Amino acid sequence: MIYFIYNTLLYSISIIASPYFLCKLVLYKKHRISLSQRFGKLPQLIADGKSVWIHAVSVGEVAAAMPFIEEFRKTFPDYKILLSTVTVTGNQFAKKEKNIDGLFFFPFDYSFAVKKAIKHISPNVFITFETEIWPNFLKYAQDMKIPCILINGRISPDSFKHYKKTKFFFKHILKNFAAFCMQTEQDKTRILELGAEKRKVRVTGNTKFDALVSKGENADVKNKFTKLFGIKENDKVIIAGSTHKGEEEKVLDAFEYICQKASNVLLILAPRHPERFGEVTKLLKGRNTDYILRSTLDKSKREKQQVIILDTIGELSKLYTIADVVFIGGSLVPTGGHNVIEPASLGKPVVFGPYMYNFTESANLLLESKGAIQIPDGAGLVACLLKLILNPEYAEQIGKIAKEIVQEKKGASKRNLEIISGFLDN
């Protein structure tokens, strides 16, 4: 009965929304890419042998999956690793991962689509990162005796409120999981309250703490971007990473004020969504701010421009190596923030606003140890960034604490692998 109701709603909503999606298909090429895969017609990924299907929605989840994939490859070299994503940007980012044997788009949760995809791949185990719960997919995987495991599980406060309203539904869906590897005790409590069986739930941590670049690689990456961006020895670099609508204005206000108090300051502005690159460019033009696009720096040199717009995909985490200060976007507007671990792992002082509810654990971890700074608003951002730029010793101390904290929290990938090994051995 549960699945009948779900499928009735799914198909009804699909019919109602079909004109909207048809327009999207016509207007935007990215929505037409591999449409057949989303309906379950996958490429010939494997012929025979053992395989694991790993699912990661977008860039953030793919980045979190990479250290786990590396550990899996070392431990189970005879298994083929197949990765699916939902977004085009996630797919493009995943193409850089050398340990993946097959890459494709996750099917829509229509019964016929998921049946076709699961039968085509028939993996030994299915692993999904964070909180990707697709009822039909999980049901048919369970019918085919394929263990489904949730890794890096997290449930934000907003999601928890919504899920609780349909707890009777989620309780049935969660039965299809063989194991839940949650990030924190709070996430464990929430998944249990939604109906997960206690014997299946473990706290294993966050694999994003493992997604660190080695010291040697850091030096190489830093040298590459220092040269490419034309950064001089005395320059101070502020990176505003994964910004959302309503934040760029505040960041630019802070940057312009800092430039009045300090010289040789450079801002790298990285909008979260590629479709907003044009909007941010227009904003800078409207303010008469001289800027240059990152995509043009491979062929031309930066001259006097003090603002660089990062209009490429998958480079932000590497660019943190050249930062003196990092602001985490999505935190000055109620979006829930973004990954603070990447810049913290590189010893960078991290600044974020009041809205970090999607990354509560890592944000609080840094704040409690004074390895990050939280500001209330745009005015707070101005004062904080200025202090960090004018006081390099203070900035260095905060970054040092942050890096030490991240090092202590590594190991989630191996803990997850220990649990998954039991299902593969069986």
Protein backbone atom coordinates (compact mmCIF):
# COMPACT_ATOMS: atom_id res chain seq x y z
CA MET A 1 0.00 0.00 0.00
CA ILE A 2 2.87 2.35 0.88
CA TYR A 3 4.45 1.93 -2.55
CA PHE A 4 1.12 2.25 -4.34
CA ILE A 5 0.57 5.65 -2.69
CA TYR A 6 4.15 6.71 -3.42
CA ASN A 7 4.00 5.73 -7.09
CA THR A 8 0.60 7.32 -7.55
CA LEU A 9 1.98 10.60 -6.19
CA LEU A 10 5.21 10.23 -8.19
CA TYR A 11 3.47 9.75 -11.53
CA SER A 12 0.83 12.40 -10.78
CA ILE A 13 3.49 14.99 -9.97
CA SER A 14 5.48 13.96 -13.06
CA ILE A 15 2.47 14.52 -15.32
CA ILE A 16 1.67 17.89 -13.76
CA ALA A 17 5.30 19.03 -13.95
CA SER A 18 5.97 17.63 -17.43
CA PRO A 19 5.52 21.00 -19.26
CA TYR A 20 8.10 22.58 -16.94
CA PHE A 21 10.63 19.78 -17.52
CA LEU A 22 10.03 19.82 -21.27
CA CYS A 23 10.94 23.51 -21.28
CA LYS A 24 14.07 22.72 -19.31
CA LEU A 25 15.04 20.06 -21.85
CA VAL A 26 14.59 22.48 -24.74
CA LEU A 27 16.33 25.44 -23.15
CA TYR A 28 19.22 23.80 -21.30
CA LYS A 29 21.58 21.28 -22.83
CA LYS A 30 22.68 19.95 -19.46
CA HIS A 31 19.19 18.55 -18.84
CA ARG A 32 19.35 16.62 -22.13
CA ILE A 33 22.68 14.99 -21.37
CA SER A 34 22.31 11.26 -20.90
CA LEU A 35 18.53 11.44 -20.51
CA SER A 36 18.31 7.79 -21.56
CA GLN A 37 20.46 6.81 -18.56
CA ARG A 38 18.01 8.52 -16.22
CA PHE A 39 15.33 6.22 -17.62
CA GLY A 40 17.43 3.15 -16.84
CA LYS A 41 19.22 2.56 -20.14
CA LEU A 42 22.81 2.41 -18.93
CA PRO A 43 25.98 1.94 -20.97
CA GLN A 44 27.68 -1.46 -21.07
CA LEU A 45 29.59 -0.84 -17.85
CA ILE A 46 30.59 -4.38 -16.96
CA ALA A 47 30.40 -7.83 -18.47
CA ASP A 48 31.06 -10.29 -15.66
CA GLY A 49 32.67 -10.27 -12.25
CA LYS A 50 32.12 -8.56 -8.94
CA SER A 51 31.13 -4.91 -8.62
CA VAL A 52 30.07 -2.25 -6.16
CA TRP A 53 27.67 0.56 -7.11
CA ILE A 54 28.43 3.83 -5.33
CA HIS A 55 25.99 6.74 -5.58
CA ALA A 56 26.88 10.40 -4.91
CA VAL A 57 24.46 13.19 -5.83
CA SER A 58 26.73 16.07 -6.78
CA VAL A 59 30.23 17.53 -6.42
CA GLY A 60 30.23 17.61 -2.61
CA GLU A 61 29.18 13.99 -2.27
CA VAL A 62 31.60 12.85 -4.98
CA ALA A 63 34.44 14.60 -3.14
CA ALA A 64 33.39 12.83 0.07
CA ALA A 65 33.28 9.50 -1.76
CA MET A 66 36.78 9.74 -3.24
CA PRO A 67 38.81 8.80 -0.12
CA PHE A 68 36.44 5.88 0.49
CA ILE A 69 36.79 4.76 -3.14
CA GLU A 70 40.56 4.87 -2.79
CA GLU A 71 40.44 2.71 0.35
CA PHE A 72 38.00 0.32 -1.32
CA ARG A 73 40.27 -0.10 -4.34
CA LYS A 74 43.24 -0.96 -2.11
CA THR A 75 41.27 -3.50 -0.09
CA PHE A 76 39.19 -5.06 -2.87
CA PRO A 77 41.18 -4.67 -6.12
CA ASP A 78 39.16 -7.41 -7.86
CA TYR A 79 35.88 -5.47 -7.58
CA LYS A 80 34.78 -3.03 -10.26
CA ILE A 81 33.73 0.34 -8.90
CA LEU A 82 30.74 1.96 -10.60
CA LEU A 83 29.70 5.49 -9.67
CA SER A 84 26.42 7.28 -10.35
CA THR A 85 25.53 10.94 -9.85
CA VAL A 86 22.37 13.02 -10.16
CA THR A 87 23.82 16.35 -11.32
CA VAL A 88 25.82 17.08 -14.45
CA THR A 89 28.44 18.97 -12.42
CA GLY A 90 28.85 15.95 -10.16
CA ASN A 91 29.31 13.74 -13.21
CA GLN A 92 31.92 16.05 -14.70
CA PHE A 93 33.81 16.25 -11.42
CA ALA A 94 33.79 12.46 -11.03
CA LYS A 95 35.46 12.00 -14.43
CA LYS A 96 38.73 13.01 -12.77
CA GLU A 97 38.59 10.04 -10.37
CA LYS A 98 41.03 7.42 -11.66
CA ASN A 99 39.69 4.58 -9.48
CA ILE A 100 36.25 4.49 -11.13
CA ASP A 101 35.53 1.75 -13.67
CA GLY A 102 32.17 3.13 -14.81
CA LEU A 103 30.37 6.48 -14.50
CA PHE A 104 26.71 7.17 -15.25
CA PHE A 105 23.60 9.09 -14.17
CA PHE A 106 21.33 7.69 -11.46
CA PRO A 107 17.93 6.63 -12.84
CA PHE A 108 14.69 8.43 -12.05
CA ASP A 109 12.81 6.57 -9.32
CA TYR A 110 10.20 5.13 -11.69
CA SER A 111 9.72 1.39 -11.18
CA PHE A 112 10.58 0.48 -14.78
CA ALA A 113 13.72 2.67 -14.77
CA VAL A 114 15.23 1.40 -11.53
CA LYS A 115 14.41 -2.24 -12.35
CA LYS A 116 16.21 -1.95 -15.68
CA ALA A 117 19.26 -0.24 -14.11
CA ILE A 118 19.59 -2.67 -11.19
CA LYS A 119 19.26 -5.74 -13.42
CA HIS A 120 21.81 -4.31 -15.85
CA ILE A 121 24.47 -3.73 -13.18
CA SER A 122 23.48 -6.33 -10.56
CA PRO A 123 26.11 -5.12 -8.05
CA ASN A 124 27.27 -7.11 -5.04
CA VAL A 125 26.49 -4.11 -2.87
CA PHE A 126 24.95 -0.64 -3.32
CA ILE A 127 26.42 2.28 -1.35
CA THR A 128 24.84 5.73 -1.22
CA PHE A 129 26.49 8.81 0.27
CA GLU A 130 24.79 11.18 2.71
CA THR A 131 20.98 10.92 2.68
CA GLU A 132 19.85 9.72 -0.73
CA ILE A 133 16.67 7.71 -0.18
CA TRP A 134 14.77 6.53 -3.28
CA PRO A 135 11.88 4.21 -2.31
CA ASN A 136 11.43 2.24 -5.55
CA PHE A 137 15.15 1.79 -6.06
CA LEU A 138 15.67 0.49 -2.52
CA LYS A 139 12.69 -1.84 -2.76
CA TYR A 140 13.85 -3.53 -5.98
CA ALA A 141 17.44 -3.75 -4.75
CA GLN A 142 16.14 -5.50 -1.65
CA ASP A 143 14.03 -7.83 -3.81
CA MET A 144 17.22 -8.79 -5.66
CA LYS A 145 19.06 -9.41 -2.35
CA ILE A 146 21.49 -6.52 -2.95
CA PRO A 147 22.67 -5.00 0.37
CA CYS A 148 22.07 -1.21 0.45
CA ILE A 149 24.33 0.79 2.75
CA LEU A 150 24.14 4.47 3.68
CA ILE A 151 27.52 6.13 4.23
CA ASN A 152 28.26 9.61 5.62
CA GLY A 153 24.64 9.69 6.70
CA ARG A 154 23.42 13.06 7.89
CA ILE A 155 19.99 14.58 8.45
CA SER A 156 19.75 18.37 8.70
CA PRO A 157 17.25 19.97 11.12
CA ASP A 158 15.00 21.06 8.24
CA SER A 159 15.03 17.64 6.61
CA PHE A 160 14.33 15.98 9.93
CA LYS A 161 11.24 18.13 10.44
CA HIS A 162 9.91 17.17 7.01
CA TYR A 163 10.74 13.47 7.40
CA LYS A 164 9.03 13.29 10.79
CA LYS A 165 5.73 14.33 9.19
CA THR A 166 5.81 11.14 7.09
CA LYS A 167 7.53 8.88 9.61
CA PHE A 168 5.08 6.03 8.93
CA PHE A 169 6.32 6.06 5.31
CA PHE A 170 10.04 6.33 6.05
CA LYS A 171 9.92 3.50 8.56
CA HIS A 172 8.98 1.10 5.75
CA ILE A 173 11.56 2.51 3.33
CA LEU A 174 14.43 2.38 5.84
CA LYS A 175 13.89 -1.36 6.31
CA ASN A 176 15.47 -1.84 2.89
CA PHE A 177 18.85 -0.64 4.15
CA ALA A 178 21.30 -3.24 5.43
CA ALA A 179 23.37 -0.67 7.36
CA PHE A 180 23.51 3.01 8.25
CA CYS A 181 26.93 4.65 8.77
CA MET A 182 26.09 8.05 10.25
CA GLN A 183 28.36 11.07 10.66
CA THR A 184 27.45 12.02 14.24
CA GLU A 185 25.55 10.82 17.31
CA GLN A 186 22.87 13.40 16.49
CA ASP A 187 22.45 11.96 12.99
CA LYS A 188 22.21 8.49 14.55
CA THR A 189 19.49 9.65 16.93
CA ARG A 190 17.51 11.20 14.08
CA ILE A 191 17.65 8.16 11.80
CA LEU A 192 16.58 5.94 14.71
CA GLU A 193 13.66 8.23 15.45
CA LEU A 194 12.59 7.95 11.81
CA GLY A 195 12.38 4.18 12.17
CA ALA A 196 15.78 2.68 11.39
CA GLU A 197 16.58 -0.54 13.25
CA LYS A 198 19.06 0.07 16.07
CA ARG A 199 21.22 -2.96 15.20
CA LYS A 200 21.89 -1.50 11.75
CA VAL A 201 23.03 1.99 12.82
CA ARG A 202 26.63 2.98 13.59
CA VAL A 203 28.46 6.29 13.93
CA THR A 204 31.56 6.15 11.71
CA GLY A 205 32.32 9.84 11.12
CA ASN A 206 32.66 11.97 8.00
CA THR A 207 34.80 10.81 5.07
CA LYS A 208 35.36 14.45 4.10
CA PHE A 209 37.94 14.55 6.88
CA ASP A 210 39.85 11.95 4.86
CA ALA A 211 39.68 13.92 1.62
CA LEU A 212 42.97 15.69 2.20
CA VAL A 213 45.80 16.36 -0.21
CA SER A 214 49.29 15.29 0.82
CA LYS A 215 51.85 17.92 1.76
CA GLY A 216 53.81 17.31 -1.44
CA GLU A 217 50.72 17.70 -3.60
CA ASN A 218 49.76 20.86 -1.71
CA ALA A 219 53.08 22.46 -2.62
CA ASP A 220 52.73 21.54 -6.28
CA VAL A 221 49.15 22.76 -6.47
CA LYS A 222 49.99 25.99 -4.66
CA ASN A 223 52.90 26.73 -6.97
CA LYS A 224 50.74 26.05 -10.02
CA PHE A 225 47.96 28.45 -9.05
CA THR A 226 50.31 31.08 -7.64
CA LYS A 227 51.97 31.29 -11.02
CA LEU A 228 48.75 30.98 -13.03
CA PHE A 229 46.98 33.73 -11.07
CA GLY A 230 50.00 36.03 -11.03
CA ILE A 231 50.17 36.19 -7.23
CA LYS A 232 53.16 38.02 -5.79
CA GLU A 233 54.96 37.29 -2.54
CA ASN A 234 53.29 40.13 -0.58
CA ASP A 235 49.78 39.56 -1.94
CA LYS A 236 46.97 38.59 0.43
CA VAL A 237 44.34 36.25 -1.02
CA ILE A 238 40.75 36.06 0.21
CA ILE A 239 38.65 33.20 -1.16
CA ALA A 240 34.86 33.34 -0.89
CA GLY A 241 33.89 29.75 -1.62
CA SER A 242 30.47 28.42 -2.72
CA THR A 243 28.65 31.74 -2.43
CA HIS A 244 24.91 32.08 -2.98
CA LYS A 245 22.62 34.86 -4.17
CA GLY A 246 22.67 37.72 -1.66
CA GLU A 247 26.19 36.97 -0.41
CA GLU A 248 28.39 38.29 -3.20
CA GLU A 249 27.30 41.88 -2.46
CA LYS A 250 28.35 41.51 1.18
CA VAL A 251 31.65 39.92 0.24
CA LEU A 252 32.39 42.71 -2.25
CA ASP A 253 31.46 45.38 0.31
CA ALA A 254 33.94 43.84 2.74
CA PHE A 255 36.61 43.49 0.07
CA GLU A 256 36.31 47.11 -1.09
CA TYR A 257 36.61 48.35 2.50
CA ILE A 258 39.66 46.15 3.14
CA CYS A 259 41.34 47.49 0.00
CA GLN A 260 41.14 50.99 1.55
CA LYS A 261 43.05 49.75 4.61
CA ALA A 262 45.46 47.25 3.07
CA SER A 263 47.34 46.94 -0.21
CA ASN A 264 47.94 43.94 -2.46
CA VAL A 265 44.67 42.19 -1.59
CA LEU A 266 43.14 39.75 -4.09
CA LEU A 267 39.63 38.27 -3.99
CA ILE A 268 38.71 34.94 -5.58
CA LEU A 269 34.93 34.72 -5.81
CA ALA A 270 33.50 31.22 -6.33
CA PRO A 271 29.71 31.07 -6.86
CA ARG A 272 28.24 27.75 -5.80
CA HIS A 273 26.17 27.14 -8.94
CA PRO A 274 27.60 27.43 -12.49
CA GLU A 275 24.36 28.94 -13.80
CA ARG A 276 25.05 32.01 -11.63
CA PHE A 277 28.42 32.85 -13.19
CA GLY A 278 26.77 35.33 -15.55
CA GLU A 279 24.76 36.90 -12.74
CA VAL A 280 27.88 37.46 -10.63
CA THR A 281 29.75 38.87 -13.62
CA LYS A 282 26.90 41.32 -14.18
CA LEU A 283 27.03 42.32 -10.50
CA LEU A 284 30.74 43.18 -10.76
CA LYS A 285 30.17 45.19 -13.93
CA GLY A 286 27.41 47.14 -12.19
CA ARG A 287 29.82 48.05 -9.39
CA ASN A 288 32.54 49.03 -11.88
CA THR A 289 34.80 46.40 -10.33
CA ASP A 290 37.69 45.26 -12.48
CA TYR A 291 37.69 41.45 -12.65
CA ILE A 292 38.91 38.51 -14.70
CA LEU A 293 37.44 35.04 -15.25
CA ARG A 294 39.44 32.03 -14.11
CA SER A 295 38.64 30.29 -17.42
CA THR A 296 40.60 32.95 -19.34
CA LEU A 297 43.78 32.66 -17.26
CA ASP A 298 45.06 29.63 -19.15
CA LYS A 299 45.51 31.84 -22.23
CA SER A 300 45.95 35.33 -20.77
CA LYS A 301 47.61 36.89 -17.73
CA ARG A 302 46.00 38.77 -14.87
CA GLU A 303 47.12 42.35 -14.90
CA LYS A 304 45.58 44.85 -12.46
CA GLN A 305 42.37 42.95 -11.74
CA GLN A 306 41.92 42.34 -8.02
CA VAL A 307 38.89 40.06 -8.37
CA ILE A 308 38.93 36.64 -10.02
CA ILE A 309 35.65 34.82 -10.66
CA LEU A 310 36.11 31.07 -10.38
CA ASP A 311 33.97 29.98 -13.33
CA THR A 312 35.36 26.43 -13.51
CA ILE A 313 34.22 23.23 -11.79
CA GLY A 314 36.17 21.12 -9.31
CA GLU A 315 39.03 23.53 -8.59
CA LEU A 316 37.85 25.25 -5.41
CA SER A 317 39.33 22.75 -2.95
CA LYS A 318 42.71 23.01 -4.69
CA LEU A 319 42.57 26.80 -4.78
CA TYR A 320 42.30 26.91 -0.99
CA THR A 321 46.06 26.20 -0.97
CA ILE A 322 46.76 29.80 -2.08
CA ALA A 323 44.31 31.43 0.35
CA ASP A 324 45.26 33.59 3.31
CA VAL A 325 41.64 33.73 4.51
CA VAL A 326 38.58 31.68 3.49
CA PHE A 327 34.92 32.66 3.75
CA ILE A 328 32.42 29.79 3.50
CA GLY A 329 29.41 30.67 1.38
CA GLY A 330 25.83 29.66 2.04
CA SER A 331 26.26 30.85 5.63
CA LEU A 332 25.23 34.51 5.43
CA VAL A 333 21.94 33.47 3.81
CA PRO A 334 19.73 30.63 5.14
CA THR A 335 21.18 27.92 2.90
CA GLY A 336 22.96 25.92 5.59
CA GLY A 337 26.60 26.54 4.71
CA HIS A 338 29.14 24.36 2.93
CA ASN A 339 32.20 22.23 3.58
CA VAL A 340 34.56 23.85 6.12
CA ILE A 341 36.83 20.81 6.31
CA GLU A 342 38.65 21.38 3.02
CA PRO A 343 40.17 24.79 3.88
CA ALA A 344 40.62 23.83 7.55
CA SER A 345 42.64 20.75 6.54
CA LEU A 346 45.07 23.05 4.73
CA GLY A 347 45.59 25.24 7.79
CA LYS A 348 43.54 28.17 6.52
CA PRO A 349 41.60 30.48 8.87
CA VAL A 350 37.92 29.87 8.13
CA VAL A 351 35.12 32.42 8.48
CA PHE A 352 31.40 31.71 8.17
CA GLY A 353 28.05 33.26 8.96
CA PRO A 354 25.20 32.18 11.28
CA TYR A 355 23.60 29.63 8.91
CA MET A 356 25.75 26.49 9.14
CA TYR A 357 23.02 23.99 10.04
CA ASN A 358 23.97 21.56 7.25
CA PHE A 359 27.48 21.29 8.70
CA THR A 360 26.78 21.70 12.39
CA GLU A 361 29.23 19.07 13.59
CA SER A 362 32.31 20.30 11.72
CA ALA A 363 31.46 23.97 12.31
CA ASN A 364 31.01 23.48 16.06
CA LEU A 365 34.13 21.34 16.23
CA LEU A 366 36.22 24.19 14.83
CA LEU A 367 34.48 26.90 16.84
CA GLU A 368 34.88 25.08 20.17
CA SER A 369 38.63 24.84 19.62
CA LYS A 370 38.88 28.37 18.22
CA GLY A 371 39.88 27.00 14.84
CA ALA A 372 37.28 29.10 12.98
CA ILE A 373 35.35 32.36 13.34
CA GLN A 374 31.59 32.80 13.08
CA ILE A 375 30.23 36.24 12.22
CA PRO A 376 26.60 37.42 12.50
CA ASP A 377 26.23 39.48 9.31
CA GLY A 378 27.89 41.48 6.56
CA ALA A 379 29.25 44.07 8.96
CA GLY A 380 30.83 41.30 11.01
CA LEU A 381 32.40 39.92 7.85
CA VAL A 382 34.08 43.27 7.14
CA ALA A 383 35.62 43.51 10.62
CA CYS A 384 36.68 39.86 10.73
CA LEU A 385 38.34 39.73 7.31
CA LEU A 386 40.15 43.00 7.95
CA LYS A 387 41.53 41.73 11.26
CA LEU A 388 42.77 38.51 9.67
CA ILE A 389 44.40 40.31 6.74
CA LEU A 390 46.13 42.88 8.96
CA ASN A 391 47.21 40.30 11.57
CA PRO A 392 48.86 37.35 9.78
CA GLU A 393 50.09 35.81 13.05
CA TYR A 394 46.52 35.71 14.35
CA ALA A 395 45.29 34.17 11.09
CA GLU A 396 48.08 31.60 11.13
CA GLN A 397 47.23 30.52 14.68
CA ILE A 398 43.57 29.91 13.79
CA GLY A 399 44.56 27.93 10.71
CA LYS A 400 47.02 25.82 12.68
CA ILE A 401 44.35 24.83 15.19
CA ALA A 402 41.92 23.98 12.38
CA LYS A 403 44.43 21.71 10.65
CA GLU A 404 45.23 19.83 13.86
CA ILE A 405 41.53 19.20 14.51
CA VAL A 406 40.97 17.77 11.03
CA GLN A 407 43.98 15.46 11.36
CA GLU A 408 42.54 14.04 14.59
CA LYS A 409 39.19 13.25 12.91
CA LYS A 410 40.48 11.24 9.95
CA GLY A 411 39.64 7.54 9.50
CA ALA A 412 35.92 7.40 8.59
CA SER A 413 36.64 5.72 5.24
CA LYS A 414 38.36 2.78 6.92
CA ARG A 415 35.62 2.47 9.55
CA ASN A 416 32.97 2.38 6.82
CA LEU A 417 34.95 -0.19 4.88
CA GLU A 418 35.09 -2.50 7.89
CA ILE A 419 31.30 -2.59 7.98
CA ILE A 420 30.91 -3.04 4.22
CA SER A 421 33.50 -5.85 4.17
CA GLY A 422 31.11 -8.03 6.14
CA PHE A 423 28.50 -7.81 3.37
CA LEU A 424 31.04 -8.51 0.63
CA ASP A 425 32.46 -11.51 2.47
CA ASN A 426 28.96 -12.94 2.69
